Each structure stands twice: as C-alpha cells, then as structure tokens.
Amino acid sequence: MPQPSAPVTGSYPRRTQAERSALSEDRLLQAALILIAEHGYDRTSLQAIGDAAGYSRGLVSHRFGSKEGLLWAIFDHTFGAWQTDTLGPRVGDHVGIEALRATVAATRAALQSAPETLRAFYSLLFQALGPLGALRPKVASLHRREREGIAAWIAAGVANGSIRPDVDPEREAALFLGMLRGAAFQWLIDPHGVDVDMIYQAIDDTISRNLVPGPA
C-alpha cells in the first residue's frame, strides 16, 4: 500500500493568525450550511458544526457567540458571496432592464449550480418568521437593501430610456424580488414539479412586458 509522502518543510509560508481565523470561519460556515440543508436549523447543533468542520464546539461559540450569531454570519457570508461571486460579474455596469435580466440569469444559475446552499439559506430565512423572531429586523434590512439596489437600477433605466417613464421603481423592485424569491422557493420545495427554466423565462417575459417601453 502506498505510504503518504513526508511533509515538505519550508515550501510554504506559515499562515498568519488572520489567515487561520478566516480559514476556520469559512470551514465552520460551510459545515453549517451543509448540515442545515440536510437536517434543518433546529436539528443542527453547534457541536455537530464544529465536528464537521474539524474544530471544537468551543471555537464555534467563541467565533459566533451563539447559534443565532452563527445564523446571521451565514446570511452575511452567503449574501456577500452571492453579490461578489455571482451577481456582480453578471450585472457589471449594466442598469435598467439589462441589470434585471442579468439578475434573473444569475439567480437561475445559482439555483442550478448550488441548490444545497440555497436550500440552507431559505431554511434559515424562514426561521426569522418563527422561533428566531429576533433576527427578523436583520432579515428585513437585508431585503430592504436588495429592493433599494433593484429600485436604483430601475430608476437608472427610466433615466436612460430603457424603462417606461411611468414606472414606480420601488413598487417594481418589490415585485421583482418577490418573483425571484417565490420562484426559487417553489423549485426547492418541488424540483420535479416546477420547470426551473420555464419559470425564470416567465419572470424575464414579465419584466419585459411591465417595464420596456412600447413602440413609439
């Protein structure tokens, strides 16, 4: 049987404390996402998260303070990664209808490439309506920031003529985010009963009908 090779010393610089902390935090958050997707929030313990990530429960508590603190860290981590790694590159400098279409495409791609991450995210999202009501203001703030960003795209589209001048950006932003959230939730609950390509194409068609100016 092949034996593991001896470690090579001096080949790699030692990680700094900040790098080790960032690595452990990332591992803990990833372990939490996987376990919550598999077992749900209530049945996922700090001990299980620490074990899955290769750390102690004490480190989980030290790093996040509590299970609720870990929950909010997951929201921040997942939402930040979505904006930086998935949404940002697709939207780029686009505004107006092109930014909205890019967001539809990015959401569909994320749903198909990382359904377990989104399943965990939605599982946590709905906890704010029940046993974790203390997190409701934070989740509301997250949604508010999303709506404000979408409304800014729509307002910019009105200004450049790609969106009808009579459109209310705040109202359409709320409708758009509601369609995205609802479509993802339906598919996560019933992937065999919901055609993900069809539903996201329907969203794209809806925003075109609602927002794009008609022929002069």
C-alpha atoms as a PDB file:
ATOM      1  CA  MET A   1       0.000   0.000   0.000  1.00  0.00           C
ATOM      2  CA  PRO A   2       1.448   3.410  -0.892  1.00  0.00           C
ATOM      3  CA  GLN A   3       2.516   5.404   2.120  1.00  0.00           C
ATOM      4  CA  PRO A   4       1.778   9.116   2.489  1.00  0.00           C
ATOM      5  CA  SER A   5       4.691  11.214   1.476  1.00  0.00           C
ATOM      6  CA  ALA A   6       6.623  13.035   4.151  1.00  0.00           C
ATOM      7  CA  PRO A   7       5.592  16.661   4.627  1.00  0.00           C
ATOM      8  CA  VAL A   8       7.720  19.138   2.760  1.00  0.00           C
ATOM      9  CA  THR A   9       9.074  21.711   5.130  1.00  0.00           C
ATOM     10  CA  GLY A  10       9.914  25.228   4.154  1.00  0.00           C
ATOM     11  CA  SER A  11       7.914  25.101   0.922  1.00  0.00           C
ATOM     12  CA  TYR A  12       5.012  27.217   2.077  1.00  0.00           C
ATOM     13  CA  PRO A  13       4.946  30.242   4.351  1.00  0.00           C
ATOM     14  CA  ARG A  14       3.162  29.841   7.666  1.00  0.00           C
ATOM     15  CA  ARG A  15      -0.336  31.256   7.687  1.00  0.00           C
ATOM     16  CA  THR A  16      -0.843  34.360   9.737  1.00  0.00           C
ATOM     17  CA  GLN A  17      -3.313  34.382  12.627  1.00  0.00           C
ATOM     18  CA  ALA A  18      -5.737  36.390  10.481  1.00  0.00           C
ATOM     19  CA  GLU A  19      -5.475  33.811   7.692  1.00  0.00           C
ATOM     20  CA  ARG A  20      -6.032  30.921  10.101  1.00  0.00           C
ATOM     21  CA  SER A  21      -9.045  32.690  11.584  1.00  0.00           C
ATOM     22  CA  ALA A  22     -10.517  33.347   8.142  1.00  0.00           C
ATOM     23  CA  LEU A  23      -9.970  29.711   7.143  1.00  0.00           C
ATOM     24  CA  SER A  24     -11.609  28.337  10.285  1.00  0.00           C
ATOM     25  CA  GLU A  25     -14.558  30.707   9.916  1.00  0.00           C
ATOM     26  CA  ASP A  26     -15.067  29.687   6.296  1.00  0.00           C
ATOM     27  CA  ARG A  27     -14.958  25.991   7.225  1.00  0.00           C
ATOM     28  CA  LEU A  28     -17.432  26.480  10.050  1.00  0.00           C
ATOM     29  CA  LEU A  29     -19.865  28.397   7.826  1.00  0.00           C
ATOM     30  CA  GLN A  30     -19.623  25.806   5.055  1.00  0.00           C
ATOM     31  CA  ALA A  31     -20.189  22.979   7.533  1.00  0.00           C
ATOM     32  CA  ALA A  32     -23.193  24.813   8.979  1.00  0.00           C
ATOM     33  CA  LEU A  33     -24.700  25.319   5.530  1.00  0.00           C
ATOM     34  CA  ILE A  34     -24.339  21.632   4.654  1.00  0.00           C
ATOM     35  CA  LEU A  35     -25.762  20.383   7.940  1.00  0.00           C
ATOM     36  CA  ILE A  36     -28.677  22.830   7.951  1.00  0.00           C
ATOM     37  CA  ALA A  37     -29.534  21.877   4.353  1.00  0.00           C
ATOM     38  CA  GLU A  38     -29.549  18.196   5.358  1.00  0.00           C
ATOM     39  CA  HIS A  39     -31.164  18.322   8.803  1.00  0.00           C
ATOM     40  CA  GLY A  40     -32.734  21.766   9.262  1.00  0.00           C
ATOM     41  CA  TYR A  41     -31.783  24.529  11.665  1.00  0.00           C
ATOM     42  CA  ASP A  42     -33.402  23.095  14.808  1.00  0.00           C
ATOM     43  CA  ARG A  43     -31.663  19.710  14.461  1.00  0.00           C
ATOM     44  CA  THR A  44     -28.211  21.159  13.777  1.00  0.00           C
ATOM     45  CA  SER A  45     -26.131  21.700  16.905  1.00  0.00           C
ATOM     46  CA  LEU A  46     -23.017  23.769  17.441  1.00  0.00           C
ATOM     47  CA  GLN A  47     -21.245  20.550  18.402  1.00  0.00           C
ATOM     48  CA  ALA A  48     -22.147  18.935  15.076  1.00  0.00           C
ATOM     49  CA  ILE A  49     -20.997  22.006  13.165  1.00  0.00           C
ATOM     50  CA  GLY A  50     -17.675  22.050  14.996  1.00  0.00           C
ATOM     51  CA  ASP A  51     -17.174  18.309  14.443  1.00  0.00           C
ATOM     52  CA  ALA A  52     -17.964  18.560  10.729  1.00  0.00           C
ATOM     53  CA  ALA A  53     -15.515  21.423  10.280  1.00  0.00           C
ATOM     54  CA  GLY A  54     -12.800  19.766  12.368  1.00  0.00           C
ATOM     55  CA  TYR A  55     -12.995  22.176  15.294  1.00  0.00           C
ATOM     56  CA  SER A  56     -14.444  22.203  18.779  1.00  0.00           C
ATOM     57  CA  ARG A  57     -17.844  23.468  19.812  1.00  0.00           C
ATOM     58  CA  GLY A  58     -15.968  25.990  21.927  1.00  0.00           C
ATOM     59  CA  LEU A  59     -14.467  27.591  18.832  1.00  0.00           C
ATOM     60  CA  VAL A  60     -17.915  27.881  17.244  1.00  0.00           C
ATOM     61  CA  SER A  61     -19.242  29.631  20.340  1.00  0.00           C
ATOM     62  CA  HIS A  62     -16.153  31.826  20.623  1.00  0.00           C
ATOM     63  CA  ARG A  63     -16.306  32.861  16.975  1.00  0.00           C
ATOM     64  CA  PHE A  64     -20.047  33.499  16.665  1.00  0.00           C
ATOM     65  CA  GLY A  65     -21.294  33.867  20.230  1.00  0.00           C
ATOM     66  CA  SER A  66     -24.408  31.729  19.790  1.00  0.00           C
ATOM     67  CA  LYS A  67     -26.362  29.702  17.286  1.00  0.00           C
ATOM     68  CA  GLU A  68     -28.282  32.863  16.365  1.00  0.00           C
ATOM     69  CA  GLY A  69     -24.987  34.683  15.819  1.00  0.00           C
ATOM     70  CA  LEU A  70     -23.869  31.870  13.547  1.00  0.00           C
ATOM     71  CA  LEU A  71     -27.151  32.151  11.669  1.00  0.00           C
ATOM     72  CA  TRP A  72     -26.597  35.834  10.919  1.00  0.00           C
ATOM     73  CA  ALA A  73     -22.985  35.136   9.917  1.00  0.00           C
ATOM     74  CA  ILE A  74     -24.309  32.591   7.407  1.00  0.00           C
ATOM     75  CA  PHE A  75     -26.677  35.209   5.982  1.00  0.00           C
ATOM     76  CA  ASP A  76     -23.864  37.720   5.654  1.00  0.00           C
ATOM     77  CA  HIS A  77     -21.479  35.158   4.171  1.00  0.00           C
ATOM     78  CA  THR A  78     -23.976  33.720   1.681  1.00  0.00           C
ATOM     79  CA  PHE A  79     -25.380  37.073   0.607  1.00  0.00           C
ATOM     80  CA  GLY A  80     -21.914  38.618   0.295  1.00  0.00           C
ATOM     81  CA  ALA A  81     -20.623  35.688  -1.749  1.00  0.00           C
ATOM     82  CA  TRP A  82     -23.703  35.885  -3.984  1.00  0.00           C
ATOM     83  CA  GLN A  83     -23.158  39.582  -4.666  1.00  0.00           C
ATOM     84  CA  THR A  84     -19.394  39.312  -5.184  1.00  0.00           C
ATOM     85  CA  ASP A  85     -19.002  35.994  -6.999  1.00  0.00           C
ATOM     86  CA  THR A  86     -22.249  35.506  -8.896  1.00  0.00           C
ATOM     87  CA  LEU A  87     -24.322  38.661  -9.274  1.00  0.00           C
ATOM     88  CA  GLY A  88     -21.573  41.270  -9.636  1.00  0.00           C
ATOM     89  CA  PRO A  89     -19.763  39.663 -12.586  1.00  0.00           C
ATOM     90  CA  ARG A  90     -23.044  39.150 -14.480  1.00  0.00           C
ATOM     91  CA  VAL A  91     -24.501  42.595 -13.881  1.00  0.00           C
ATOM     92  CA  GLY A  92     -21.254  44.543 -14.244  1.00  0.00           C
ATOM     93  CA  ASP A  93     -22.012  48.139 -15.196  1.00  0.00           C
ATOM     94  CA  HIS A  94     -25.491  47.382 -16.534  1.00  0.00           C
ATOM     95  CA  VAL A  95     -28.554  49.207 -15.237  1.00  0.00           C
ATOM     96  CA  GLY A  96     -32.206  49.161 -16.179  1.00  0.00           C
ATOM     97  CA  ILE A  97     -33.698  46.171 -17.931  1.00  0.00           C
ATOM     98  CA  GLU A  98     -30.283  44.618 -18.661  1.00  0.00           C
ATOM     99  CA  ALA A  99     -29.371  44.587 -14.968  1.00  0.00           C
ATOM    100  CA  LEU A 100     -32.686  42.923 -14.129  1.00  0.00           C
ATOM    101  CA  ARG A 101     -32.244  40.284 -16.831  1.00  0.00           C
ATOM    102  CA  ALA A 102     -28.703  39.614 -15.647  1.00  0.00           C
ATOM    103  CA  THR A 103     -30.062  39.127 -12.117  1.00  0.00           C
ATOM    104  CA  VAL A 104     -32.641  36.632 -13.381  1.00  0.00           C
ATOM    105  CA  ALA A 105     -29.896  34.700 -15.196  1.00  0.00           C
ATOM    106  CA  ALA A 106     -27.582  34.804 -12.171  1.00  0.00           C
ATOM    107  CA  THR A 107     -30.334  33.547  -9.860  1.00  0.00           C
ATOM    108  CA  ARG A 108     -31.210  30.681 -12.171  1.00  0.00           C
ATOM    109  CA  ALA A 109     -27.524  29.726 -12.490  1.00  0.00           C
ATOM    110  CA  ALA A 110     -27.036  29.789  -8.706  1.00  0.00           C
ATOM    111  CA  LEU A 111     -30.127  27.659  -8.172  1.00  0.00           C
ATOM    112  CA  GLN A 112     -28.884  25.027 -10.588  1.00  0.00           C
ATOM    113  CA  SER A 113     -25.222  25.041  -9.526  1.00  0.00           C
ATOM    114  CA  ALA A 114     -25.597  25.259  -5.737  1.00  0.00           C
ATOM    115  CA  PRO A 115     -29.094  24.133  -4.724  1.00  0.00           C
ATOM    116  CA  GLU A 116     -27.972  22.876  -1.295  1.00  0.00           C
ATOM    117  CA  THR A 117     -26.544  26.274  -0.374  1.00  0.00           C
ATOM    118  CA  LEU A 118     -29.796  27.962  -1.370  1.00  0.00           C
ATOM    119  CA  ARG A 119     -31.861  25.319   0.404  1.00  0.00           C
ATOM    120  CA  ALA A 120     -29.978  26.075   3.624  1.00  0.00           C
ATOM    121  CA  PHE A 121     -30.326  29.816   3.039  1.00  0.00           C
ATOM    122  CA  TYR A 122     -34.099  29.571   2.590  1.00  0.00           C
ATOM    123  CA  SER A 123     -34.399  27.272   5.594  1.00  0.00           C
ATOM    124  CA  LEU A 124     -32.723  29.943   7.690  1.00  0.00           C
ATOM    125  CA  LEU A 125     -34.643  32.759   6.050  1.00  0.00           C
ATOM    126  CA  PHE A 126     -37.958  31.396   7.256  1.00  0.00           C
ATOM    127  CA  GLN A 127     -36.676  30.890  10.792  1.00  0.00           C
ATOM    128  CA  ALA A 128     -36.956  34.656  11.190  1.00  0.00           C
ATOM    129  CA  LEU A 129     -40.749  34.290  10.954  1.00  0.00           C
ATOM    130  CA  GLY A 130     -40.904  31.792  13.794  1.00  0.00           C
ATOM    131  CA  PRO A 131     -38.580  30.779  16.597  1.00  0.00           C
ATOM    132  CA  LEU A 132     -35.873  33.286  15.695  1.00  0.00           C
ATOM    133  CA  GLY A 133     -38.017  36.403  15.570  1.00  0.00           C
ATOM    134  CA  ALA A 134     -35.124  38.448  16.973  1.00  0.00           C
ATOM    135  CA  LEU A 135     -33.450  38.089  13.588  1.00  0.00           C
ATOM    136  CA  ARG A 136     -36.461  39.499  11.748  1.00  0.00           C
ATOM    137  CA  PRO A 137     -35.179  43.116  11.705  1.00  0.00           C
ATOM    138  CA  LYS A 138     -31.863  41.949  10.237  1.00  0.00           C
ATOM    139  CA  VAL A 139     -33.549  39.884   7.543  1.00  0.00           C
ATOM    140  CA  ALA A 140     -35.872  42.805   6.810  1.00  0.00           C
ATOM    141  CA  SER A 141     -32.824  45.047   6.469  1.00  0.00           C
ATOM    142  CA  LEU A 142     -31.239  42.600   4.017  1.00  0.00           C
ATOM    143  CA  HIS A 143     -34.383  42.604   1.875  1.00  0.00           C
ATOM    144  CA  ARG A 144     -34.602  46.379   2.118  1.00  0.00           C
ATOM    145  CA  ARG A 145     -31.062  46.738   0.776  1.00  0.00           C
ATOM    146  CA  GLU A 146     -31.875  44.386  -2.086  1.00  0.00           C
ATOM    147  CA  ARG A 147     -35.011  46.333  -3.015  1.00  0.00           C
ATOM    148  CA  GLU A 148     -33.122  49.625  -2.871  1.00  0.00           C
ATOM    149  CA  GLY A 149     -30.435  48.312  -5.218  1.00  0.00           C
ATOM    150  CA  ILE A 150     -33.018  46.989  -7.673  1.00  0.00           C
ATOM    151  CA  ALA A 151     -35.004  50.243  -7.500  1.00  0.00           C
ATOM    152  CA  ALA A 152     -31.807  52.162  -8.310  1.00  0.00           C
ATOM    153  CA  TRP A 153     -31.303  50.049 -11.441  1.00  0.00           C
ATOM    154  CA  ILE A 154     -34.893  50.672 -12.471  1.00  0.00           C
ATOM    155  CA  ALA A 155     -34.625  54.423 -11.856  1.00  0.00           C
ATOM    156  CA  ALA A 156     -31.448  54.500 -13.949  1.00  0.00           C
ATOM    157  CA  GLY A 157     -33.315  52.632 -16.683  1.00  0.00           C
ATOM    158  CA  VAL A 158     -36.078  55.238 -16.614  1.00  0.00           C
ATOM    159  CA  ALA A 159     -33.422  57.925 -16.934  1.00  0.00           C
ATOM    160  CA  ASN A 160     -31.721  56.294 -19.939  1.00  0.00           C
ATOM    161  CA  GLY A 161     -34.986  55.390 -21.653  1.00  0.00           C
ATOM    162  CA  SER A 162     -34.723  51.593 -21.413  1.00  0.00           C
ATOM    163  CA  ILE A 163     -37.635  51.516 -18.932  1.00  0.00           C
ATOM    164  CA  ARG A 164     -41.002  53.244 -19.242  1.00  0.00           C
ATOM    165  CA  PRO A 165     -41.128  56.709 -17.658  1.00  0.00           C
ATOM    166  CA  ASP A 166     -44.342  55.976 -15.735  1.00  0.00           C
ATOM    167  CA  VAL A 167     -42.840  53.056 -13.788  1.00  0.00           C
ATOM    168  CA  ASP A 168     -42.611  53.278  -9.989  1.00  0.00           C
ATOM    169  CA  PRO A 169     -39.112  51.924  -9.187  1.00  0.00           C
ATOM    170  CA  GLU A 170     -39.907  50.969  -5.569  1.00  0.00           C
ATOM    171  CA  ARG A 171     -43.073  49.078  -6.481  1.00  0.00           C
ATOM    172  CA  GLU A 172     -41.435  47.211  -9.342  1.00  0.00           C
ATOM    173  CA  ALA A 173     -38.389  46.401  -7.219  1.00  0.00           C
ATOM    174  CA  ALA A 174     -40.607  44.756  -4.588  1.00  0.00           C
ATOM    175  CA  LEU A 175     -42.462  42.796  -7.278  1.00  0.00           C
ATOM    176  CA  PHE A 176     -39.215  41.696  -8.953  1.00  0.00           C
ATOM    177  CA  LEU A 177     -37.627  40.484  -5.709  1.00  0.00           C
ATOM    178  CA  GLY A 178     -40.858  38.715  -4.790  1.00  0.00           C
ATOM    179  CA  MET A 179     -40.850  36.844  -8.109  1.00  0.00           C
ATOM    180  CA  LEU A 180     -37.240  35.744  -7.661  1.00  0.00           C
ATOM    181  CA  ARG A 181     -37.752  34.609  -4.058  1.00  0.00           C
ATOM    182  CA  GLY A 182     -41.007  32.814  -4.863  1.00  0.00           C
ATOM    183  CA  ALA A 183     -39.644  31.024  -7.929  1.00  0.00           C
ATOM    184  CA  ALA A 184     -36.611  29.719  -6.044  1.00  0.00           C
ATOM    185  CA  PHE A 185     -38.733  28.579  -3.098  1.00  0.00           C
ATOM    186  CA  GLN A 186     -41.185  26.721  -5.345  1.00  0.00           C
ATOM    187  CA  TRP A 187     -38.384  24.863  -7.109  1.00  0.00           C
ATOM    188  CA  LEU A 188     -36.533  23.996  -3.884  1.00  0.00           C
ATOM    189  CA  ILE A 189     -39.726  22.551  -2.419  1.00  0.00           C
ATOM    190  CA  ASP A 190     -40.798  20.686  -5.580  1.00  0.00           C
ATOM    191  CA  PRO A 191     -37.923  20.363  -8.107  1.00  0.00           C
ATOM    192  CA  HIS A 192     -39.766  17.702 -10.102  1.00  0.00           C
ATOM    193  CA  GLY A 193     -42.998  19.688 -10.279  1.00  0.00           C
ATOM    194  CA  VAL A 194     -41.548  23.075 -11.256  1.00  0.00           C
ATOM    195  CA  ASP A 195     -39.706  23.648 -14.527  1.00  0.00           C
ATOM    196  CA  VAL A 196     -36.929  25.996 -13.423  1.00  0.00           C
ATOM    197  CA  ASP A 197     -36.118  27.168 -16.950  1.00  0.00           C
ATOM    198  CA  MET A 198     -39.776  27.870 -17.691  1.00  0.00           C
ATOM    199  CA  ILE A 199     -40.388  29.842 -14.519  1.00  0.00           C
ATOM    200  CA  TYR A 200     -37.326  32.062 -14.922  1.00  0.00           C
ATOM    201  CA  GLN A 201     -38.136  32.663 -18.567  1.00  0.00           C
ATOM    202  CA  ALA A 202     -41.607  33.700 -17.404  1.00  0.00           C
ATOM    203  CA  ILE A 203     -40.025  36.212 -14.999  1.00  0.00           C
ATOM    204  CA  ASP A 204     -37.910  37.605 -17.825  1.00  0.00           C
ATOM    205  CA  ASP A 205     -41.000  37.903 -20.028  1.00  0.00           C
ATOM    206  CA  THR A 206     -42.944  39.593 -17.226  1.00  0.00           C
ATOM    207  CA  ILE A 207     -40.358  42.293 -16.594  1.00  0.00           C
ATOM    208  CA  SER A 208     -40.188  42.962 -20.343  1.00  0.00           C
ATOM    209  CA  ARG A 209     -43.967  43.395 -20.545  1.00  0.00           C
ATOM    210  CA  ASN A 210     -44.102  45.541 -17.414  1.00  0.00           C
ATOM    211  CA  LEU A 211     -41.087  47.756 -17.956  1.00  0.00           C
ATOM    212  CA  VAL A 212     -39.898  48.006 -21.555  1.00  0.00           C
ATOM    213  CA  PRO A 213     -41.344  50.972 -23.485  1.00  0.00           C
ATOM    214  CA  GLY A 214     -43.695  50.076 -26.308  1.00  0.00           C
ATOM    215  CA  PRO A 215     -43.261  51.176 -29.916  1.00  0.00           C
ATOM    216  CA  ALA A 216     -43.279  54.923 -30.379  1.00  0.00           C
END
